[in-house]
Amino acid sequence: MSNVTRMIGKEEAAVTTVGSASSVGEARLVRVYNGHSAAVFVAVSTHRSDIVGYGSITVPAGEIEYIDKDYKDVLWAGNTSVMFAKVGFTN
């Protein structure tokens, strides 16, 4: 059975610095869409001063990924064409 995405919050453009990173409305699950014409990295950190972060992925152009994170963790990306949205899954 496939999952159905439940929209919980408004989509927001990614920021490109950890100092401005977003918890995406304290989301536990974030839908990530790369609207840029090239692959872009997305990083997650426990707080806005942690430049290294604890994880990152590369999202291909035009693709969607889902990131499961702690509600206080913050996200940022390599381009503002990346969009984040707070979501949940239902079956």
C-alpha atoms as a PDB file:
ATOM      1  CA  MET A   1       0.000   0.000   0.000  1.00  0.00           C
ATOM      2  CA  SER A   2       1.385   3.417  -0.910  1.00  0.00           C
ATOM      3  CA  ASN A   3       1.537   6.324   1.506  1.00  0.00           C
ATOM      4  CA  VAL A   4      -0.597   9.426   1.151  1.00  0.00           C
ATOM      5  CA  THR A   5       1.133  12.697   1.988  1.00  0.00           C
ATOM      6  CA  ARG A   6      -0.707  14.813   4.537  1.00  0.00           C
ATOM      7  CA  MET A   7       0.088  18.516   4.212  1.00  0.00           C
ATOM      8  CA  ILE A   8       0.543  20.077   7.651  1.00  0.00           C
ATOM      9  CA  GLY A   9       2.278  23.395   6.903  1.00  0.00           C
ATOM     10  CA  LYS A  10       2.997  25.883   4.151  1.00  0.00           C
ATOM     11  CA  GLU A  11       5.886  25.328   1.781  1.00  0.00           C
ATOM     12  CA  GLU A  12       8.898  27.553   2.407  1.00  0.00           C
ATOM     13  CA  ALA A  13      12.025  28.324   0.403  1.00  0.00           C
ATOM     14  CA  ALA A  14      15.244  26.919   1.833  1.00  0.00           C
ATOM     15  CA  VAL A  15      17.883  29.225   3.220  1.00  0.00           C
ATOM     16  CA  THR A  16      21.522  28.752   2.267  1.00  0.00           C
ATOM     17  CA  THR A  17      23.253  29.346   5.615  1.00  0.00           C
ATOM     18  CA  VAL A  18      23.120  27.350   8.824  1.00  0.00           C
ATOM     19  CA  GLY A  19      22.717  30.573  10.836  1.00  0.00           C
ATOM     20  CA  SER A  20      19.287  31.082   9.240  1.00  0.00           C
ATOM     21  CA  ALA A  21      18.340  27.397   9.006  1.00  0.00           C
ATOM     22  CA  SER A  22      14.715  26.423   9.634  1.00  0.00           C
ATOM     23  CA  SER A  23      13.044  23.743  11.734  1.00  0.00           C
ATOM     24  CA  VAL A  24      10.210  23.944   9.146  1.00  0.00           C
ATOM     25  CA  GLY A  25       7.581  24.578  11.792  1.00  0.00           C
ATOM     26  CA  GLU A  26       9.209  22.055  14.145  1.00  0.00           C
ATOM     27  CA  ALA A  27       8.391  19.312  11.630  1.00  0.00           C
ATOM     28  CA  ARG A  28       9.259  15.672  12.255  1.00  0.00           C
ATOM     29  CA  LEU A  29       8.856  14.849   8.546  1.00  0.00           C
ATOM     30  CA  VAL A  30       9.804  17.308   5.783  1.00  0.00           C
ATOM     31  CA  ARG A  31       9.042  17.082   2.069  1.00  0.00           C
ATOM     32  CA  VAL A  32      11.988  18.472   0.100  1.00  0.00           C
ATOM     33  CA  TYR A  33      11.557  19.542  -3.534  1.00  0.00           C
ATOM     34  CA  ASN A  34      14.546  20.662  -5.623  1.00  0.00           C
ATOM     35  CA  GLY A  35      13.282  23.224  -8.124  1.00  0.00           C
ATOM     36  CA  HIS A  36      16.814  24.143  -9.230  1.00  0.00           C
ATOM     37  CA  SER A  37      18.198  23.067 -12.611  1.00  0.00           C
ATOM     38  CA  ALA A  38      21.011  21.071 -10.958  1.00  0.00           C
ATOM     39  CA  ALA A  39      21.460  18.752  -8.001  1.00  0.00           C
ATOM     40  CA  VAL A  40      21.559  20.554  -4.639  1.00  0.00           C
ATOM     41  CA  PHE A  41      22.673  19.455  -1.162  1.00  0.00           C
ATOM     42  CA  VAL A  42      20.318  19.603   1.809  1.00  0.00           C
ATOM     43  CA  ALA A  43      21.798  19.490   5.316  1.00  0.00           C
ATOM     44  CA  VAL A  44      20.354  18.930   8.788  1.00  0.00           C
ATOM     45  CA  SER A  45      21.794  20.087  12.089  1.00  0.00           C
ATOM     46  CA  THR A  46      20.832  20.081  15.748  1.00  0.00           C
ATOM     47  CA  HIS A  47      21.176  23.880  16.002  1.00  0.00           C
ATOM     48  CA  ARG A  48      21.885  26.966  13.893  1.00  0.00           C
ATOM     49  CA  SER A  49      25.534  27.291  14.936  1.00  0.00           C
ATOM     50  CA  ASP A  50      26.575  23.791  13.788  1.00  0.00           C
ATOM     51  CA  ILE A  51      28.032  24.410  10.330  1.00  0.00           C
ATOM     52  CA  VAL A  52      29.028  20.770   9.847  1.00  0.00           C
ATOM     53  CA  GLY A  53      25.590  19.385  10.672  1.00  0.00           C
ATOM     54  CA  TYR A  54      25.002  15.724  11.285  1.00  0.00           C
ATOM     55  CA  GLY A  55      23.663  14.705   7.915  1.00  0.00           C
ATOM     56  CA  SER A  56      23.264  15.780   4.331  1.00  0.00           C
ATOM     57  CA  ILE A  57      21.909  14.449   1.066  1.00  0.00           C
ATOM     58  CA  THR A  58      22.067  15.517  -2.558  1.00  0.00           C
ATOM     59  CA  VAL A  59      18.670  15.981  -4.177  1.00  0.00           C
ATOM     60  CA  PRO A  60      18.672  15.720  -7.996  1.00  0.00           C
ATOM     61  CA  ALA A  61      17.032  18.494 -10.035  1.00  0.00           C
ATOM     62  CA  GLY A  62      13.250  18.240 -10.080  1.00  0.00           C
ATOM     63  CA  GLU A  63      13.159  15.460  -7.474  1.00  0.00           C
ATOM     64  CA  ILE A  64      11.369  15.070  -4.124  1.00  0.00           C
ATOM     65  CA  GLU A  65      12.834  13.521  -0.981  1.00  0.00           C
ATOM     66  CA  TYR A  66      11.439  13.114   2.534  1.00  0.00           C
ATOM     67  CA  ILE A  67      13.564  13.823   5.602  1.00  0.00           C
ATOM     68  CA  ASP A  68      12.676  12.397   9.002  1.00  0.00           C
ATOM     69  CA  LYS A  69      14.217  14.564  11.736  1.00  0.00           C
ATOM     70  CA  ASP A  70      13.830  15.632  15.344  1.00  0.00           C
ATOM     71  CA  TYR A  71      11.372  18.505  15.706  1.00  0.00           C
ATOM     72  CA  LYS A  72      14.095  20.930  16.850  1.00  0.00           C
ATOM     73  CA  ASP A  73      16.591  20.016  14.100  1.00  0.00           C
ATOM     74  CA  VAL A  74      17.120  22.641  11.393  1.00  0.00           C
ATOM     75  CA  LEU A  75      17.547  22.345   7.602  1.00  0.00           C
ATOM     76  CA  TRP A  76      19.311  24.414   4.984  1.00  0.00           C
ATOM     77  CA  ALA A  77      20.256  23.853   1.349  1.00  0.00           C
ATOM     78  CA  GLY A  78      22.696  24.872  -1.353  1.00  0.00           C
ATOM     79  CA  ASN A  79      20.112  26.909  -3.277  1.00  0.00           C
ATOM     80  CA  THR A  80      16.932  28.851  -2.481  1.00  0.00           C
ATOM     81  CA  SER A  81      15.081  26.978  -5.256  1.00  0.00           C
ATOM     82  CA  VAL A  82      14.789  24.085  -2.801  1.00  0.00           C
ATOM     83  CA  MET A  83      11.418  24.044  -1.042  1.00  0.00           C
ATOM     84  CA  PHE A  84      10.609  22.536   2.369  1.00  0.00           C
ATOM     85  CA  ALA A  85       7.146  21.580   3.627  1.00  0.00           C
ATOM     86  CA  LYS A  86       5.988  20.056   6.926  1.00  0.00           C
ATOM     87  CA  VAL A  87       4.132  16.842   6.092  1.00  0.00           C
ATOM     88  CA  GLY A  88       2.977  13.550   7.524  1.00  0.00           C
ATOM     89  CA  PHE A  89       2.058  10.187   6.010  1.00  0.00           C
ATOM     90  CA  THR A  90      -1.277   8.412   6.227  1.00  0.00           C
ATOM     91  CA  ASN A  91      -2.266   5.064   4.763  1.00  0.00           C
END
